[in-house]
Each structure stands twice: as C-alpha cells, then as structure tokens.
Amino acid sequence: MFISKRKHEPAHYMLKIESFSLLSEANTSKIESDVFEASGHKWKLDLYPNGNDEDGEYISLHVVICDTGSCSKGWNVCVDVTFFVYDHINHNFVTFQDGNGHRTRFHEKKMTWGFDKLISLESFMESDSGYLFNDSCVFGVEVIAVPEFTKMDRCLMMTKPPTTMNTHTWVINNFSSVTDQVLYSEVFKIGKVKWKLSLYPKGDELGKGTHLSIFLGVHDAASLPDGWKVYSKYKFRVKCHAPGSDVELETHKGRWFDEPTVGWGFSSFMLLSELMDSKNGFLLNDTLIVEAEISVMGMLKNFI
C-alpha cells in the first residue's frame, strides 16, 4: 500500500460518518454508500468499520462496480483507484493506493476491490491521528479510467535459465521403425513456460523427404491469457553416440511465440542421409537422442 497526503478533496465521492464510535460499538458489519458516477460507470463504497474478517482490528474499505447488467459479455473496466481519509488536524487528505502501482481491472469475476487492512482501528481512534473530530470522519474515493491506449502497457521480463535447468533430453527408441508423420515429446518446463518438441522423421515443409525437421512449441497455449507472448533463444541438438560431433542448430536472434505462431524450429535440421548413415553414430541401437536447450527467454505481460 502506498500512502501519501494531498490538500484537495477527492474528485468523485466523499462519505461523512457522524458518531463513528457507535458503529464500532454496535459491531456494524458494513456501511454501503450511495451509488455515484465516475469515469463512465456507477460505483459505491463498502466500508467495514470493524473490518471484513473476524479479527475486527482494522477498518476495511472497498469500491464496487454497480452497472454491469448492460455490459457486453467479456467486459472489463480498467481504472486507477485512490482511497481518502480526511485528517482534521493537518487539514489534508491521507491517500491510499496500490503499493505496486498496479491498475485495477474489474470484470465479471472481480466486482469489488480495496484494502482489508486500510487503517488499524486502534490508530484510527487515537485523537492525535486526526481521523476523528467530534466523533466524525470522512472517507472518499477517486476512480480514474485508464485511457484505451494505455490498457495494453506491457512489461517484458527476461530471464536466463541456469545451465543445469535449461535443457530437455528426448530419447526416441526404434527410430527406423517409426511410421508416424510427426512425433511429440513429453511436456517439459523451462522457466515459467511449458514446452513440447515436435519431430518429423521424414521432414516437413521445405525439408520433406530430405531432412529431419524439429520444432519447439508452447504447450497448451489456449490456457494462457489473451495477448500472451513468449520470447526464446533456443538450440536443437542431435547427439552422436560414437566419437564424433553432435549436430546443432541455433536461433541467433531468438523467436517470439504467440497466438498466431505457437511453434518455431528448423524444417531442414539435418540431412536424412547423414542421420541414417551408421558410420556417423547418430542411431546407436536404433536410438535417436534429441536435446532442446533454451539459453534466454522472456515473457511479455500486462502491467495490470
């Protein structure tokens, strides 16, 4: 929670309560304000004089969106919320905002937002806090809509997975007997993303019939939030069993994975003739070993 002070009153709504101590003594659970308009929507304040839990040690304050019946399916409202409590001693308002600077997104499953522990009831009742004057107090709120063009502000979080955790090994037995057009590895997790490899034993696209094709894909992309994007710099490797050299191909600039493009890779990873030649040592006991190494990755997330 970020707390500051300012002189001018809240722009959208103020709630004055007289004889506040009576509310506390009567164990009043919740005070609902009138409905007010702000940023094109209707709202109300929910004040819990004794908190909204069994402890009763804090004052809780929440703002609730009210006019959702006419909203279209999948609606969401993105706002900056600031709560206010008047300081009668210093003649200013103490303001309370999200401590991380996050905006608040209201939607069908989130109709209310606020602070369960706005102010401890003990400090609120103290005379030198300035919150109570003649047993009266004033709460307020501002609900500022986030302009459409800023709703999609993003944060790119880049990471470099540790070398002990950035490689997945896929062992394919009886490779020469495979008749499937495409094979899929088990799901594996590197960083915070679940991945899956796909391999075309007889090639795909430009490599069809001549090359081994290998691709990396984001697993279960449908479960990710709308607008997701994942950056990855990766390397594929076919291991050589006998003394010799592994075959490697790497993306030097990295690739972006998103809803239109959930997979990237190499259609012409290596020649099938090179792979199948027993002298090269790639298929000892008819076993192919493929590795995927992710050296750098990033996730593009909403600020909100």
C-alpha atoms as a PDB file:
ATOM      1  CA  MET A   1       0.000   0.000   0.000  1.00  0.00           C
ATOM      2  CA  PHE A   2       1.265   3.466  -0.957  1.00  0.00           C
ATOM      3  CA  ILE A   3       0.229   6.246   1.456  1.00  0.00           C
ATOM      4  CA  SER A   4       0.595   9.973   0.786  1.00  0.00           C
ATOM      5  CA  LYS A   5      -1.152  13.273   1.501  1.00  0.00           C
ATOM      6  CA  ARG A   6      -2.795  15.999  -0.526  1.00  0.00           C
ATOM      7  CA  LYS A   7      -4.836  19.157   0.089  1.00  0.00           C
ATOM      8  CA  HIS A   8      -7.674  18.918  -2.442  1.00  0.00           C
ATOM      9  CA  GLU A   9     -10.629  16.639  -1.873  1.00  0.00           C
ATOM     10  CA  PRO A  10     -11.438  13.506  -3.896  1.00  0.00           C
ATOM     11  CA  ALA A  11     -12.994  14.238  -7.251  1.00  0.00           C
ATOM     12  CA  HIS A  12     -15.676  11.554  -7.257  1.00  0.00           C
ATOM     13  CA  TYR A  13     -17.176  10.767  -3.877  1.00  0.00           C
ATOM     14  CA  MET A  14     -16.976  11.541  -0.150  1.00  0.00           C
ATOM     15  CA  LEU A  15     -18.767   9.776   2.690  1.00  0.00           C
ATOM     16  CA  LYS A  16     -19.058  11.585   6.039  1.00  0.00           C
ATOM     17  CA  ILE A  17     -19.873   9.498   9.079  1.00  0.00           C
ATOM     18  CA  GLU A  18     -21.040  11.036  12.347  1.00  0.00           C
ATOM     19  CA  SER A  19     -20.892   9.175  15.678  1.00  0.00           C
ATOM     20  CA  PHE A  20     -18.398   6.692  14.273  1.00  0.00           C
ATOM     21  CA  SER A  21     -17.741   5.154  17.701  1.00  0.00           C
ATOM     22  CA  LEU A  22     -21.359   3.985  17.842  1.00  0.00           C
ATOM     23  CA  LEU A  23     -20.826   1.972  14.661  1.00  0.00           C
ATOM     24  CA  SER A  24     -17.818   0.312  16.195  1.00  0.00           C
ATOM     25  CA  GLU A  25     -19.548  -0.414  19.492  1.00  0.00           C
ATOM     26  CA  ALA A  26     -22.610  -1.820  17.727  1.00  0.00           C
ATOM     27  CA  ASN A  27     -20.407  -4.151  15.692  1.00  0.00           C
ATOM     28  CA  THR A  28     -21.885  -2.811  12.463  1.00  0.00           C
ATOM     29  CA  SER A  29     -20.559  -5.099   9.768  1.00  0.00           C
ATOM     30  CA  LYS A  30     -20.804  -2.917   6.653  1.00  0.00           C
ATOM     31  CA  ILE A  31     -21.848   0.540   5.532  1.00  0.00           C
ATOM     32  CA  GLU A  32     -22.823   0.892   1.868  1.00  0.00           C
ATOM     33  CA  SER A  33     -22.634   4.327   0.312  1.00  0.00           C
ATOM     34  CA  ASP A  34     -24.954   5.826  -2.270  1.00  0.00           C
ATOM     35  CA  VAL A  35     -24.241   4.941  -5.871  1.00  0.00           C
ATOM     36  CA  PHE A  36     -22.078   7.548  -7.588  1.00  0.00           C
ATOM     37  CA  GLU A  37     -20.803   8.007 -11.131  1.00  0.00           C
ATOM     38  CA  ALA A  38     -17.147   8.141 -12.132  1.00  0.00           C
ATOM     39  CA  SER A  39     -15.326   7.517 -15.392  1.00  0.00           C
ATOM     40  CA  GLY A  40     -18.468   6.448 -17.238  1.00  0.00           C
ATOM     41  CA  HIS A  41     -19.613   3.847 -14.696  1.00  0.00           C
ATOM     42  CA  LYS A  42     -21.584   3.630 -11.465  1.00  0.00           C
ATOM     43  CA  TRP A  43     -19.890   2.691  -8.211  1.00  0.00           C
ATOM     44  CA  LYS A  44     -20.400   2.510  -4.465  1.00  0.00           C
ATOM     45  CA  LEU A  45     -18.189   2.361  -1.385  1.00  0.00           C
ATOM     46  CA  ASP A  46     -18.323  -0.529   1.081  1.00  0.00           C
ATOM     47  CA  LEU A  47     -16.957   0.489   4.472  1.00  0.00           C
ATOM     48  CA  TYR A  48     -16.356  -2.108   7.186  1.00  0.00           C
ATOM     49  CA  PRO A  49     -15.917  -0.158  10.470  1.00  0.00           C
ATOM     50  CA  ASN A  50     -14.714  -3.308  12.253  1.00  0.00           C
ATOM     51  CA  GLY A  51     -13.005  -4.944   9.286  1.00  0.00           C
ATOM     52  CA  ASN A  52     -14.384  -7.631   6.984  1.00  0.00           C
ATOM     53  CA  ASP A  53     -12.976 -10.534   8.985  1.00  0.00           C
ATOM     54  CA  GLU A  54     -13.419 -11.934  12.477  1.00  0.00           C
ATOM     55  CA  ASP A  55     -10.435 -10.109  13.968  1.00  0.00           C
ATOM     56  CA  GLY A  56     -12.052  -6.681  13.866  1.00  0.00           C
ATOM     57  CA  GLU A  57      -8.728  -4.909  14.239  1.00  0.00           C
ATOM     58  CA  TYR A  58      -8.749  -2.888  11.009  1.00  0.00           C
ATOM     59  CA  ILE A  59     -11.035  -0.652   9.014  1.00  0.00           C
ATOM     60  CA  SER A  60     -11.700  -2.111   5.549  1.00  0.00           C
ATOM     61  CA  LEU A  61     -12.654  -0.030   2.518  1.00  0.00           C
ATOM     62  CA  HIS A  62     -13.667  -1.299  -0.924  1.00  0.00           C
ATOM     63  CA  VAL A  63     -15.094   0.164  -4.117  1.00  0.00           C
ATOM     64  CA  VAL A  64     -17.747  -1.832  -6.014  1.00  0.00           C
ATOM     65  CA  ILE A  65     -18.804  -1.501  -9.654  1.00  0.00           C
ATOM     66  CA  CYS A  66     -22.600  -1.446  -9.942  1.00  0.00           C
ATOM     67  CA  ASP A  67     -23.854  -1.064 -13.511  1.00  0.00           C
ATOM     68  CA  THR A  68     -22.663  -4.287 -15.127  1.00  0.00           C
ATOM     69  CA  GLY A  69     -26.046  -5.568 -16.301  1.00  0.00           C
ATOM     70  CA  SER A  70     -25.802  -3.642 -19.559  1.00  0.00           C
ATOM     71  CA  CYS A  71     -22.162  -4.569 -20.199  1.00  0.00           C
ATOM     72  CA  SER A  72     -21.311  -6.892 -23.082  1.00  0.00           C
ATOM     73  CA  LYS A  73     -20.030 -10.416 -22.488  1.00  0.00           C
ATOM     74  CA  GLY A  74     -16.363 -10.455 -21.513  1.00  0.00           C
ATOM     75  CA  TRP A  75     -16.451  -6.837 -20.298  1.00  0.00           C
ATOM     76  CA  ASN A  76     -13.653  -5.342 -18.262  1.00  0.00           C
ATOM     77  CA  VAL A  77     -13.079  -1.903 -16.810  1.00  0.00           C
ATOM     78  CA  CYS A  78      -9.545  -0.752 -16.059  1.00  0.00           C
ATOM     79  CA  VAL A  79      -9.079   2.029 -13.505  1.00  0.00           C
ATOM     80  CA  ASP A  80      -6.719   3.657 -11.023  1.00  0.00           C
ATOM     81  CA  VAL A  81      -8.328   3.692  -7.565  1.00  0.00           C
ATOM     82  CA  THR A  82      -7.365   6.064  -4.742  1.00  0.00           C
ATOM     83  CA  PHE A  83      -9.000   5.996  -1.304  1.00  0.00           C
ATOM     84  CA  PHE A  84      -9.066   9.030   1.022  1.00  0.00           C
ATOM     85  CA  VAL A  85      -9.412   9.682   4.757  1.00  0.00           C
ATOM     86  CA  TYR A  86      -9.568  13.267   5.989  1.00  0.00           C
ATOM     87  CA  ASP A  87      -7.010  14.453   8.578  1.00  0.00           C
ATOM     88  CA  HIS A  88      -8.780  17.074  10.697  1.00  0.00           C
ATOM     89  CA  ILE A  89      -5.588  18.193  12.428  1.00  0.00           C
ATOM     90  CA  ASN A  90      -3.481  18.929   9.342  1.00  0.00           C
ATOM     91  CA  HIS A  91      -6.476  19.788   7.146  1.00  0.00           C
ATOM     92  CA  ASN A  92      -5.500  17.480   4.316  1.00  0.00           C
ATOM     93  CA  PHE A  93      -6.431  14.082   2.938  1.00  0.00           C
ATOM     94  CA  VAL A  94      -4.411  10.934   3.530  1.00  0.00           C
ATOM     95  CA  THR A  95      -4.499   8.873   0.319  1.00  0.00           C
ATOM     96  CA  PHE A  96      -4.160   5.112  -0.091  1.00  0.00           C
ATOM     97  CA  GLN A  97      -3.209   3.396  -3.373  1.00  0.00           C
ATOM     98  CA  ASP A  98      -1.907   0.037  -4.552  1.00  0.00           C
ATOM     99  CA  GLY A  99       1.678  -0.218  -3.327  1.00  0.00           C
ATOM    100  CA  ASN A 100       2.965  -1.695  -6.606  1.00  0.00           C
ATOM    101  CA  GLY A 101       1.346   0.950  -8.766  1.00  0.00           C
ATOM    102  CA  HIS A 102      -0.923  -1.656 -10.353  1.00  0.00           C
ATOM    103  CA  ARG A 103      -4.125  -0.599 -12.008  1.00  0.00           C
ATOM    104  CA  THR A 104      -7.304  -2.428 -11.090  1.00  0.00           C
ATOM    105  CA  ARG A 105      -9.220  -4.391 -13.690  1.00  0.00           C
ATOM    106  CA  PHE A 106     -12.878  -5.047 -12.864  1.00  0.00           C
ATOM    107  CA  HIS A 107     -14.658  -7.879 -14.691  1.00  0.00           C
ATOM    108  CA  GLU A 108     -17.398 -10.465 -14.190  1.00  0.00           C
ATOM    109  CA  LYS A 109     -15.415 -12.339 -11.538  1.00  0.00           C
ATOM    110  CA  LYS A 110     -13.995  -9.264  -9.849  1.00  0.00           C
ATOM    111  CA  MET A 111     -16.676  -6.730  -8.971  1.00  0.00           C
ATOM    112  CA  THR A 112     -15.007  -5.226  -5.908  1.00  0.00           C
ATOM    113  CA  TRP A 113     -11.522  -4.072  -4.921  1.00  0.00           C
ATOM    114  CA  GLY A 114      -9.977  -2.400  -1.915  1.00  0.00           C
ATOM    115  CA  PHE A 115      -7.981  -2.791   1.275  1.00  0.00           C
ATOM    116  CA  ASP A 116      -8.945  -5.237   4.019  1.00  0.00           C
ATOM    117  CA  LYS A 117      -6.472  -3.516   6.329  1.00  0.00           C
ATOM    118  CA  LEU A 118      -6.726   0.160   5.416  1.00  0.00           C
ATOM    119  CA  ILE A 119      -6.035   1.542   8.918  1.00  0.00           C
ATOM    120  CA  SER A 120      -5.850  -0.225  12.254  1.00  0.00           C
ATOM    121  CA  LEU A 121      -8.911   0.585  14.331  1.00  0.00           C
ATOM    122  CA  GLU A 122      -6.697   1.448  17.297  1.00  0.00           C
ATOM    123  CA  SER A 123      -4.716   4.123  15.442  1.00  0.00           C
ATOM    124  CA  PHE A 124      -7.860   5.442  13.738  1.00  0.00           C
ATOM    125  CA  MET A 125      -9.499   6.087  17.129  1.00  0.00           C
ATOM    126  CA  GLU A 126      -6.467   7.877  18.578  1.00  0.00           C
ATOM    127  CA  SER A 127      -7.087  11.595  18.966  1.00  0.00           C
ATOM    128  CA  ASP A 128      -3.690  12.640  17.596  1.00  0.00           C
ATOM    129  CA  SER A 129      -4.239  10.761  14.330  1.00  0.00           C
ATOM    130  CA  GLY A 130      -6.670  13.435  13.170  1.00  0.00           C
ATOM    131  CA  TYR A 131      -9.057  10.980  11.573  1.00  0.00           C
ATOM    132  CA  LEU A 132     -11.857  11.607  14.072  1.00  0.00           C
ATOM    133  CA  PHE A 133     -13.137  15.046  15.077  1.00  0.00           C
ATOM    134  CA  ASN A 134     -16.139  15.214  17.390  1.00  0.00           C
ATOM    135  CA  ASP A 135     -16.565  11.508  16.588  1.00  0.00           C
ATOM    136  CA  SER A 136     -16.979  12.296  12.871  1.00  0.00           C
ATOM    137  CA  CYS A 137     -14.827  11.164   9.957  1.00  0.00           C
ATOM    138  CA  VAL A 138     -14.693  11.490   6.186  1.00  0.00           C
ATOM    139  CA  PHE A 139     -13.817   8.804   3.634  1.00  0.00           C
ATOM    140  CA  GLY A 140     -13.507   9.312  -0.103  1.00  0.00           C
ATOM    141  CA  VAL A 141     -12.548   7.715  -3.385  1.00  0.00           C
ATOM    142  CA  GLU A 142     -11.405   8.551  -6.886  1.00  0.00           C
ATOM    143  CA  VAL A 143     -11.863   6.090  -9.734  1.00  0.00           C
ATOM    144  CA  ILE A 144      -9.886   7.222 -12.781  1.00  0.00           C
ATOM    145  CA  ALA A 145     -10.414   5.310 -16.015  1.00  0.00           C
ATOM    146  CA  VAL A 146      -7.269   4.218 -17.821  1.00  0.00           C
ATOM    147  CA  PRO A 147      -7.319   5.527 -21.411  1.00  0.00           C
ATOM    148  CA  GLU A 148      -7.808   2.893 -24.072  1.00  0.00           C
ATOM    149  CA  PHE A 149      -4.329   3.294 -25.496  1.00  0.00           C
ATOM    150  CA  THR A 150      -2.649   2.579 -22.141  1.00  0.00           C
ATOM    151  CA  LYS A 151      -4.598  -0.555 -21.259  1.00  0.00           C
ATOM    152  CA  MET A 152      -2.091  -2.683 -23.110  1.00  0.00           C
ATOM    153  CA  ASP A 153       1.059  -1.326 -21.479  1.00  0.00           C
ATOM    154  CA  ARG A 154       3.378  -4.301 -21.218  1.00  0.00           C
ATOM    155  CA  CYS A 155       6.341  -5.460 -19.212  1.00  0.00           C
ATOM    156  CA  LEU A 156       8.973  -7.733 -20.779  1.00  0.00           C
ATOM    157  CA  MET A 157      10.547  -9.997 -18.157  1.00  0.00           C
ATOM    158  CA  MET A 158      13.779 -11.507 -19.473  1.00  0.00           C
ATOM    159  CA  THR A 159      15.452 -14.452 -17.752  1.00  0.00           C
ATOM    160  CA  LYS A 160      18.436 -16.676 -18.346  1.00  0.00           C
ATOM    161  CA  PRO A 161      17.641 -20.181 -17.081  1.00  0.00           C
ATOM    162  CA  PRO A 162      20.522 -21.800 -15.168  1.00  0.00           C
ATOM    163  CA  THR A 163      22.542 -24.221 -17.290  1.00  0.00           C
ATOM    164  CA  THR A 164      21.527 -27.097 -15.035  1.00  0.00           C
ATOM    165  CA  MET A 165      17.854 -26.482 -15.809  1.00  0.00           C
ATOM    166  CA  ASN A 166      17.729 -25.162 -19.376  1.00  0.00           C
ATOM    167  CA  THR A 167      17.983 -28.395 -21.396  1.00  0.00           C
ATOM    168  CA  HIS A 168      15.465 -31.134 -22.138  1.00  0.00           C
ATOM    169  CA  THR A 169      16.599 -34.520 -23.472  1.00  0.00           C
ATOM    170  CA  TRP A 170      14.261 -36.606 -25.608  1.00  0.00           C
ATOM    171  CA  VAL A 171      15.113 -40.253 -26.293  1.00  0.00           C
ATOM    172  CA  ILE A 172      13.364 -41.915 -29.246  1.00  0.00           C
ATOM    173  CA  ASN A 173      13.755 -45.700 -29.414  1.00  0.00           C
ATOM    174  CA  ASN A 174      13.311 -47.836 -32.559  1.00  0.00           C
ATOM    175  CA  PHE A 175      13.601 -44.734 -34.674  1.00  0.00           C
ATOM    176  CA  SER A 176      13.913 -46.524 -38.026  1.00  0.00           C
ATOM    177  CA  SER A 177      10.591 -48.305 -37.388  1.00  0.00           C
ATOM    178  CA  VAL A 178       8.621 -45.100 -36.826  1.00  0.00           C
ATOM    179  CA  THR A 179       5.784 -44.680 -39.335  1.00  0.00           C
ATOM    180  CA  ASP A 180       4.104 -41.602 -37.833  1.00  0.00           C
ATOM    181  CA  GLN A 181       4.445 -38.389 -39.804  1.00  0.00           C
ATOM    182  CA  VAL A 182       5.179 -36.457 -36.628  1.00  0.00           C
ATOM    183  CA  LEU A 183       6.322 -37.365 -33.099  1.00  0.00           C
ATOM    184  CA  TYR A 184       5.736 -35.295 -29.968  1.00  0.00           C
ATOM    185  CA  SER A 185       7.910 -35.214 -26.866  1.00  0.00           C
ATOM    186  CA  GLU A 186       6.570 -35.205 -23.347  1.00  0.00           C
ATOM    187  CA  VAL A 187       5.766 -31.781 -21.912  1.00  0.00           C
ATOM    188  CA  PHE A 188       8.665 -30.122 -20.110  1.00  0.00           C
ATOM    189  CA  LYS A 189       9.030 -26.881 -18.207  1.00  0.00           C
ATOM    190  CA  ILE A 190      11.863 -24.384 -18.542  1.00  0.00           C
ATOM    191  CA  GLY A 191      11.463 -21.086 -16.761  1.00  0.00           C
ATOM    192  CA  LYS A 192       7.757 -20.472 -16.220  1.00  0.00           C
ATOM    193  CA  VAL A 193       6.689 -21.901 -19.588  1.00  0.00           C
ATOM    194  CA  LYS A 194       5.649 -25.416 -20.538  1.00  0.00           C
ATOM    195  CA  TRP A 195       7.118 -26.584 -23.842  1.00  0.00           C
ATOM    196  CA  LYS A 196       6.825 -29.501 -26.238  1.00  0.00           C
ATOM    197  CA  LEU A 197       9.017 -30.668 -29.114  1.00  0.00           C
ATOM    198  CA  SER A 198       7.707 -31.992 -32.409  1.00  0.00           C
ATOM    199  CA  LEU A 199       9.876 -34.026 -34.763  1.00  0.00           C
ATOM    200  CA  TYR A 200       9.181 -35.089 -38.365  1.00  0.00           C
ATOM    201  CA  PRO A 201      11.208 -38.288 -39.106  1.00  0.00           C
ATOM    202  CA  LYS A 202      10.799 -37.765 -42.875  1.00  0.00           C
ATOM    203  CA  GLY A 203      10.889 -33.998 -42.862  1.00  0.00           C
ATOM    204  CA  ASP A 204       8.261 -31.280 -43.076  1.00  0.00           C
ATOM    205  CA  GLU A 205       7.704 -28.324 -45.387  1.00  0.00           C
ATOM    206  CA  LEU A 206      10.977 -27.423 -47.129  1.00  0.00           C
ATOM    207  CA  GLY A 207      12.758 -30.447 -45.681  1.00  0.00           C
ATOM    208  CA  LYS A 208      10.155 -33.049 -46.608  1.00  0.00           C
ATOM    209  CA  GLY A 209      11.743 -36.257 -47.853  1.00  0.00           C
ATOM    210  CA  THR A 210      15.308 -34.986 -47.458  1.00  0.00           C
ATOM    211  CA  HIS A 211      15.811 -33.667 -43.939  1.00  0.00           C
ATOM    212  CA  LEU A 212      14.938 -34.270 -40.315  1.00  0.00           C
ATOM    213  CA  SER A 213      12.654 -31.470 -39.063  1.00  0.00           C
ATOM    214  CA  ILE A 214      12.444 -30.333 -35.417  1.00  0.00           C
ATOM    215  CA  PHE A 215      10.224 -27.675 -33.850  1.00  0.00           C
ATOM    216  CA  LEU A 216       9.712 -26.147 -30.397  1.00  0.00           C
ATOM    217  CA  GLY A 217       6.223 -25.168 -29.291  1.00  0.00           C
ATOM    218  CA  VAL A 218       4.469 -23.620 -26.317  1.00  0.00           C
ATOM    219  CA  HIS A 219       2.291 -26.275 -24.698  1.00  0.00           C
ATOM    220  CA  ASP A 220      -1.417 -25.681 -24.003  1.00  0.00           C
ATOM    221  CA  ALA A 221      -1.339 -22.155 -25.423  1.00  0.00           C
ATOM    222  CA  ALA A 222      -5.149 -21.962 -25.159  1.00  0.00           C
ATOM    223  CA  SER A 223      -4.846 -21.773 -21.360  1.00  0.00           C
ATOM    224  CA  LEU A 224      -2.592 -18.702 -21.475  1.00  0.00           C
ATOM    225  CA  PRO A 225      -4.089 -15.191 -21.093  1.00  0.00           C
ATOM    226  CA  ASP A 226      -5.160 -13.244 -24.161  1.00  0.00           C
ATOM    227  CA  GLY A 227      -2.323 -11.421 -25.866  1.00  0.00           C
ATOM    228  CA  TRP A 228       0.391 -13.679 -24.434  1.00  0.00           C
ATOM    229  CA  LYS A 229       3.877 -13.538 -25.965  1.00  0.00           C
ATOM    230  CA  VAL A 230       6.969 -15.561 -25.092  1.00  0.00           C
ATOM    231  CA  TYR A 231      10.483 -14.884 -26.349  1.00  0.00           C
ATOM    232  CA  SER A 232      13.004 -17.708 -26.638  1.00  0.00           C
ATOM    233  CA  LYS A 233      16.530 -18.153 -27.862  1.00  0.00           C
ATOM    234  CA  TYR A 234      16.965 -21.879 -28.305  1.00  0.00           C
ATOM    235  CA  LYS A 235      19.206 -24.570 -29.711  1.00  0.00           C
ATOM    236  CA  PHE A 236      18.431 -28.077 -31.002  1.00  0.00           C
ATOM    237  CA  ARG A 237      20.970 -30.860 -30.818  1.00  0.00           C
ATOM    238  CA  VAL A 238      21.053 -34.426 -32.174  1.00  0.00           C
ATOM    239  CA  LYS A 239      23.517 -36.383 -30.061  1.00  0.00           C
ATOM    240  CA  CYS A 240      26.243 -38.511 -31.569  1.00  0.00           C
ATOM    241  CA  HIS A 241      26.702 -41.874 -29.797  1.00  0.00           C
ATOM    242  CA  ALA A 242      30.097 -42.686 -31.305  1.00  0.00           C
ATOM    243  CA  PRO A 243      33.164 -40.452 -31.182  1.00  0.00           C
ATOM    244  CA  GLY A 244      32.292 -37.547 -33.424  1.00  0.00           C
ATOM    245  CA  SER A 245      30.347 -34.324 -33.332  1.00  0.00           C
ATOM    246  CA  ASP A 246      26.776 -33.612 -32.341  1.00  0.00           C
ATOM    247  CA  VAL A 247      24.675 -31.741 -34.878  1.00  0.00           C
ATOM    248  CA  GLU A 248      23.433 -28.381 -33.585  1.00  0.00           C
ATOM    249  CA  LEU A 249      21.348 -25.527 -34.952  1.00  0.00           C
ATOM    250  CA  GLU A 250      20.610 -22.368 -33.002  1.00  0.00           C
ATOM    251  CA  THR A 251      18.455 -19.247 -33.308  1.00  0.00           C
ATOM    252  CA  HIS A 252      20.938 -16.403 -33.022  1.00  0.00           C
ATOM    253  CA  LYS A 253      18.320 -13.649 -32.648  1.00  0.00           C
ATOM    254  CA  GLY A 254      15.635 -15.614 -30.815  1.00  0.00           C
ATOM    255  CA  ARG A 255      11.975 -16.009 -31.725  1.00  0.00           C
ATOM    256  CA  TRP A 256       8.642 -14.709 -30.460  1.00  0.00           C
ATOM    257  CA  PHE A 257       5.954 -17.289 -29.713  1.00  0.00           C
ATOM    258  CA  ASP A 258       2.366 -16.019 -29.626  1.00  0.00           C
ATOM    259  CA  GLU A 259      -1.198 -16.995 -30.531  1.00  0.00           C
ATOM    260  CA  PRO A 260      -0.646 -16.954 -34.314  1.00  0.00           C
ATOM    261  CA  THR A 261       2.755 -18.678 -34.030  1.00  0.00           C
ATOM    262  CA  VAL A 262       2.903 -21.212 -31.213  1.00  0.00           C
ATOM    263  CA  GLY A 263       5.898 -23.073 -32.668  1.00  0.00           C
ATOM    264  CA  TRP A 264       9.275 -22.383 -34.286  1.00  0.00           C
ATOM    265  CA  GLY A 265      12.083 -24.611 -35.480  1.00  0.00           C
ATOM    266  CA  PHE A 266      14.037 -25.956 -38.437  1.00  0.00           C
ATOM    267  CA  SER A 267      12.485 -27.735 -41.410  1.00  0.00           C
ATOM    268  CA  SER A 268      15.961 -28.663 -42.671  1.00  0.00           C
ATOM    269  CA  PHE A 269      17.679 -29.533 -39.424  1.00  0.00           C
ATOM    270  CA  MET A 270      19.946 -32.243 -40.865  1.00  0.00           C
ATOM    271  CA  LEU A 271      20.055 -34.485 -43.925  1.00  0.00           C
ATOM    272  CA  LEU A 272      18.279 -37.817 -43.516  1.00  0.00           C
ATOM    273  CA  SER A 273      21.145 -39.490 -45.352  1.00  0.00           C
ATOM    274  CA  GLU A 274      23.573 -38.151 -42.764  1.00  0.00           C
ATOM    275  CA  LEU A 275      21.313 -39.235 -39.909  1.00  0.00           C
ATOM    276  CA  MET A 276      20.770 -42.761 -41.186  1.00  0.00           C
ATOM    277  CA  ASP A 277      24.421 -43.455 -42.068  1.00  0.00           C
ATOM    278  CA  SER A 278      25.638 -45.851 -39.350  1.00  0.00           C
ATOM    279  CA  LYS A 279      29.188 -44.527 -39.697  1.00  0.00           C
ATOM    280  CA  ASN A 280      28.093 -41.193 -38.230  1.00  0.00           C
ATOM    281  CA  GLY A 281      26.890 -42.735 -34.964  1.00  0.00           C
ATOM    282  CA  PHE A 282      23.574 -40.933 -34.539  1.00  0.00           C
ATOM    283  CA  LEU A 283      21.424 -44.070 -34.255  1.00  0.00           C
ATOM    284  CA  LEU A 284      23.237 -46.478 -31.971  1.00  0.00           C
ATOM    285  CA  ASN A 285      20.882 -49.404 -31.271  1.00  0.00           C
ATOM    286  CA  ASP A 286      18.335 -47.518 -33.375  1.00  0.00           C
ATOM    287  CA  THR A 287      18.013 -44.837 -30.672  1.00  0.00           C
ATOM    288  CA  LEU A 288      17.845 -41.147 -31.518  1.00  0.00           C
ATOM    289  CA  ILE A 289      18.644 -38.592 -28.793  1.00  0.00           C
ATOM    290  CA  VAL A 290      17.408 -35.036 -29.301  1.00  0.00           C
ATOM    291  CA  GLU A 291      18.104 -32.121 -26.962  1.00  0.00           C
ATOM    292  CA  ALA A 292      16.460 -28.716 -26.740  1.00  0.00           C
ATOM    293  CA  GLU A 293      18.391 -26.003 -24.923  1.00  0.00           C
ATOM    294  CA  ILE A 294      16.804 -22.640 -24.078  1.00  0.00           C
ATOM    295  CA  SER A 295      19.501 -20.112 -23.201  1.00  0.00           C
ATOM    296  CA  VAL A 296      17.393 -16.944 -22.938  1.00  0.00           C
ATOM    297  CA  MET A 297      13.670 -16.455 -22.584  1.00  0.00           C
ATOM    298  CA  GLY A 298      11.212 -13.714 -21.801  1.00  0.00           C
ATOM    299  CA  MET A 299       7.527 -13.214 -21.137  1.00  0.00           C
ATOM    300  CA  LEU A 300       5.536 -10.174 -22.164  1.00  0.00           C
ATOM    301  CA  LYS A 301       2.966  -9.397 -19.504  1.00  0.00           C
ATOM    302  CA  ASN A 302       0.414  -6.694 -18.823  1.00  0.00           C
ATOM    303  CA  PHE A 303       1.289  -4.159 -16.144  1.00  0.00           C
ATOM    304  CA  ILE A 304      -2.166  -4.625 -14.729  1.00  0.00           C
END
